[in-house]
C-alpha atoms as a PDB file:
ATOM      1  CA  GLN A   1     -12.120  -1.061  16.046  1.00  0.00           C
ATOM      2  CA  VAL A   2     -10.353  -1.309  12.710  1.00  0.00           C
ATOM      3  CA  GLN A   3      -6.633  -0.631  12.799  1.00  0.00           C
ATOM      4  CA  LEU A   4      -4.210  -0.497   9.902  1.00  0.00           C
ATOM      5  CA  VAL A   5      -0.551  -0.210  10.872  1.00  0.00           C
ATOM      6  CA  GLU A   6       2.077   0.302   8.184  1.00  0.00           C
ATOM      7  CA  SER A   7       5.756  -0.497   8.523  1.00  0.00           C
ATOM      8  CA  GLY A   8       8.802  -1.077   6.360  1.00  0.00           C
ATOM      9  CA  GLY A   9       9.499   2.383   5.045  1.00  0.00           C
ATOM     10  CA  GLY A  10      12.959   3.891   4.973  1.00  0.00           C
ATOM     11  CA  LEU A  11      15.728   5.386   2.894  1.00  0.00           C
ATOM     12  CA  VAL A  12      16.934   3.517  -0.186  1.00  0.00           C
ATOM     13  CA  GLN A  13      19.014   4.352  -3.226  1.00  0.00           C
ATOM     14  CA  ALA A  14      17.456   4.538  -6.672  1.00  0.00           C
ATOM     15  CA  GLY A  15      17.166   1.060  -8.141  1.00  0.00           C
ATOM     16  CA  GLY A  16      16.761  -0.515  -4.730  1.00  0.00           C
ATOM     17  CA  SER A  17      13.846  -2.332  -3.131  1.00  0.00           C
ATOM     18  CA  LEU A  18      11.639  -2.060  -0.071  1.00  0.00           C
ATOM     19  CA  ARG A  19       8.738  -4.103   1.221  1.00  0.00           C
ATOM     20  CA  LEU A  20       5.960  -2.330   3.067  1.00  0.00           C
ATOM     21  CA  SER A  21       3.633  -4.166   5.413  1.00  0.00           C
ATOM     22  CA  CYS A  22       0.157  -3.273   6.615  1.00  0.00           C
ATOM     23  CA  ALA A  23      -1.039  -5.178   9.666  1.00  0.00           C
ATOM     24  CA  ALA A  24      -4.837  -5.130   9.688  1.00  0.00           C
ATOM     25  CA  SER A  25      -7.065  -5.844  12.673  1.00  0.00           C
ATOM     26  CA  GLY A  26     -10.513  -5.190  14.074  1.00  0.00           C
ATOM     27  CA  ARG A  27     -12.725  -6.998  11.597  1.00  0.00           C
ATOM     28  CA  THR A  28     -12.880  -9.734   9.009  1.00  0.00           C
ATOM     29  CA  PHE A  29     -11.571  -8.363   5.751  1.00  0.00           C
ATOM     30  CA  SER A  30     -13.376 -10.807   3.524  1.00  0.00           C
ATOM     31  CA  GLY A  31     -15.457  -8.658   1.199  1.00  0.00           C
ATOM     32  CA  TYR A  32     -13.026  -5.774   1.362  1.00  0.00           C
ATOM     33  CA  VAL A  33     -10.426  -4.252  -0.895  1.00  0.00           C
ATOM     34  CA  MET A  34      -7.079  -3.264   0.575  1.00  0.00           C
ATOM     35  CA  GLY A  35      -5.244  -0.414  -1.064  1.00  0.00           C
ATOM     36  CA  TRP A  36      -1.936   1.405  -0.956  1.00  0.00           C
ATOM     37  CA  PHE A  37      -1.814   5.128  -1.594  1.00  0.00           C
ATOM     38  CA  ARG A  38       1.004   7.649  -1.418  1.00  0.00           C
ATOM     39  CA  GLN A  39       1.404  11.364  -0.924  1.00  0.00           C
ATOM     40  CA  SER A  40       4.461  13.516  -1.475  1.00  0.00           C
ATOM     41  CA  PRO A  41       4.853  17.156  -0.353  1.00  0.00           C
ATOM     42  CA  GLY A  42       2.748  19.569  -2.361  1.00  0.00           C
ATOM     43  CA  LYS A  43       0.898  16.805  -4.185  1.00  0.00           C
ATOM     44  CA  GLU A  44      -2.451  15.134  -3.741  1.00  0.00           C
ATOM     45  CA  ARG A  45      -2.671  11.626  -2.417  1.00  0.00           C
ATOM     46  CA  GLU A  46      -2.566   9.144  -5.270  1.00  0.00           C
ATOM     47  CA  PHE A  47      -3.567   5.541  -5.735  1.00  0.00           C
ATOM     48  CA  VAL A  48      -0.736   3.012  -5.972  1.00  0.00           C
ATOM     49  CA  ALA A  49      -2.197  -0.497  -5.856  1.00  0.00           C
ATOM     50  CA  ALA A  50      -5.124  -2.518  -4.535  1.00  0.00           C
ATOM     51  CA  ILE A  51      -5.999  -6.133  -3.847  1.00  0.00           C
ATOM     52  CA  ASN A  52      -9.307  -7.885  -3.292  1.00  0.00           C
ATOM     53  CA  TRP A  53      -8.906  -9.616   0.060  1.00  0.00           C
ATOM     54  CA  SER A  54     -11.068 -12.589  -0.872  1.00  0.00           C
ATOM     55  CA  GLY A  55     -10.156 -13.333  -4.480  1.00  0.00           C
ATOM     56  CA  GLY A  56      -6.722 -11.791  -4.644  1.00  0.00           C
ATOM     57  CA  SER A  57      -7.318  -9.808  -7.826  1.00  0.00           C
ATOM     58  CA  THR A  58      -5.065  -6.775  -8.098  1.00  0.00           C
ATOM     59  CA  ASN A  59      -4.736  -3.499  -9.926  1.00  0.00           C
ATOM     60  CA  TYR A  60      -1.972  -0.912 -10.134  1.00  0.00           C
ATOM     61  CA  ALA A  61      -1.316   2.656 -11.072  1.00  0.00           C
ATOM     62  CA  ASP A  62       0.440   2.891 -14.430  1.00  0.00           C
ATOM     63  CA  SER A  63       3.425   4.555 -12.760  1.00  0.00           C
ATOM     64  CA  VAL A  64       4.238   1.439 -10.707  1.00  0.00           C
ATOM     65  CA  LYS A  65       3.156  -1.414 -13.001  1.00  0.00           C
ATOM     66  CA  GLY A  66       5.934  -3.939 -13.442  1.00  0.00           C
ATOM     67  CA  ARG A  67       7.855  -2.580 -10.439  1.00  0.00           C
ATOM     68  CA  PHE A  68       5.491  -2.928  -7.469  1.00  0.00           C
ATOM     69  CA  THR A  69       3.589  -6.009  -6.333  1.00  0.00           C
ATOM     70  CA  ILE A  70       0.728  -6.048  -3.830  1.00  0.00           C
ATOM     71  CA  SER A  71      -0.101  -9.229  -1.956  1.00  0.00           C
ATOM     72  CA  ARG A  72      -1.869 -10.370   1.190  1.00  0.00           C
ATOM     73  CA  ASP A  73      -1.377 -13.025   3.838  1.00  0.00           C
ATOM     74  CA  ILE A  74      -4.796 -14.118   5.024  1.00  0.00           C
ATOM     75  CA  VAL A  75      -3.433 -15.981   8.049  1.00  0.00           C
ATOM     76  CA  ARG A  76      -1.406 -13.005   9.261  1.00  0.00           C
ATOM     77  CA  ASN A  77      -4.053 -10.446   8.221  1.00  0.00           C
ATOM     78  CA  THR A  78      -1.314  -8.466   6.535  1.00  0.00           C
ATOM     79  CA  VAL A  79      -1.030  -6.724   3.177  1.00  0.00           C
ATOM     80  CA  TYR A  80       2.341  -6.183   1.539  1.00  0.00           C
ATOM     81  CA  LEU A  81       3.685  -3.849  -1.091  1.00  0.00           C
ATOM     82  CA  GLN A  82       6.909  -5.088  -2.647  1.00  0.00           C
ATOM     83  CA  MET A  83       8.607  -2.167  -4.354  1.00  0.00           C
ATOM     84  CA  ASN A  84      11.460  -2.840  -6.786  1.00  0.00           C
ATOM     85  CA  SER A  85      13.454  -0.622  -9.116  1.00  0.00           C
ATOM     86  CA  LEU A  86      12.611   2.365  -6.946  1.00  0.00           C
ATOM     87  CA  LYS A  87      12.927   5.852  -8.396  1.00  0.00           C
ATOM     88  CA  PRO A  88      13.330   9.220  -6.664  1.00  0.00           C
ATOM     89  CA  GLU A  89       9.785  10.078  -7.767  1.00  0.00           C
ATOM     90  CA  ASP A  90       8.513   7.198  -5.612  1.00  0.00           C
ATOM     91  CA  THR A  91       9.481   9.227  -2.544  1.00  0.00           C
ATOM     92  CA  ALA A  92       6.328   9.767  -0.477  1.00  0.00           C
ATOM     93  CA  VAL A  93       4.426   8.788   2.628  1.00  0.00           C
ATOM     94  CA  TYR A  94       2.703   5.494   1.860  1.00  0.00           C
ATOM     95  CA  TYR A  95      -0.681   4.734   3.382  1.00  0.00           C
ATOM     96  CA  CYS A  96      -2.644   1.525   3.707  1.00  0.00           C
ATOM     97  CA  SER A  97      -6.403   1.675   3.433  1.00  0.00           C
ATOM     98  CA  SER A  98      -9.499  -0.497   3.139  1.00  0.00           C
ATOM     99  CA  ARG A  99     -12.962  -0.250   1.631  1.00  0.00           C
ATOM    100  CA  PRO A 100     -15.896  -2.580   1.147  1.00  0.00           C
ATOM    101  CA  VAL A 101     -15.894  -4.178  -2.307  1.00  0.00           C
ATOM    102  CA  THR A 102     -19.297  -2.620  -2.981  1.00  0.00           C
ATOM    103  CA  LEU A 103     -18.177   0.953  -2.302  1.00  0.00           C
ATOM    104  CA  ARG A 104     -15.726   3.284  -4.023  1.00  0.00           C
ATOM    105  CA  GLU A 105     -14.609   5.215  -0.970  1.00  0.00           C
ATOM    106  CA  TYR A 106     -11.861   3.934   1.333  1.00  0.00           C
ATOM    107  CA  ASP A 107     -13.046   4.202   4.928  1.00  0.00           C
ATOM    108  CA  TYR A 108     -10.078   3.330   7.121  1.00  0.00           C
ATOM    109  CA  TRP A 109      -6.503   4.552   6.846  1.00  0.00           C
ATOM    110  CA  GLY A 110      -3.230   3.819   8.532  1.00  0.00           C
ATOM    111  CA  GLN A 111      -0.842   6.438   9.858  1.00  0.00           C
ATOM    112  CA  GLY A 112       1.563   6.112   6.940  1.00  0.00           C
ATOM    113  CA  THR A 113       5.198   5.168   6.501  1.00  0.00           C
ATOM    114  CA  GLN A 114       7.848   7.334   4.851  1.00  0.00           C
ATOM    115  CA  VAL A 115       9.695   6.060   1.795  1.00  0.00           C
ATOM    116  CA  THR A 116      12.631   8.122   0.559  1.00  0.00           C
ATOM    117  CA  VAL A 117      14.510   7.199  -2.611  1.00  0.00           C
ATOM    118  CA  SER A 118      17.817   8.979  -3.156  1.00  0.00           C
ATOM    119  CA  SER A 119      19.284   9.541  -6.604  1.00  0.00           C
END
């Protein structure tokens, strides 16, 4: 059974940094894309960043380009989201997810981790 477990959220002041982790288990993730999404109260869930597990190619939402970096550790089966220069508008629950490279829909989701950025 696929499991995605996020950790690393917390409270940080504006301008600070956090690193989120997503421990993935239950299958081989070669041929999959791992993504980070976020959702704040009253808003729809939005895409943040994604990485191709096999090749390592990445893409980012415009709102986080230059501030966030997604990476993966193949040995540890873990995906990271390094978040720098955090802003209050980055406050949200952050979710890890996966999808096959050939599909557009993400099929497995973690439980989420709260990130709160104070001004």
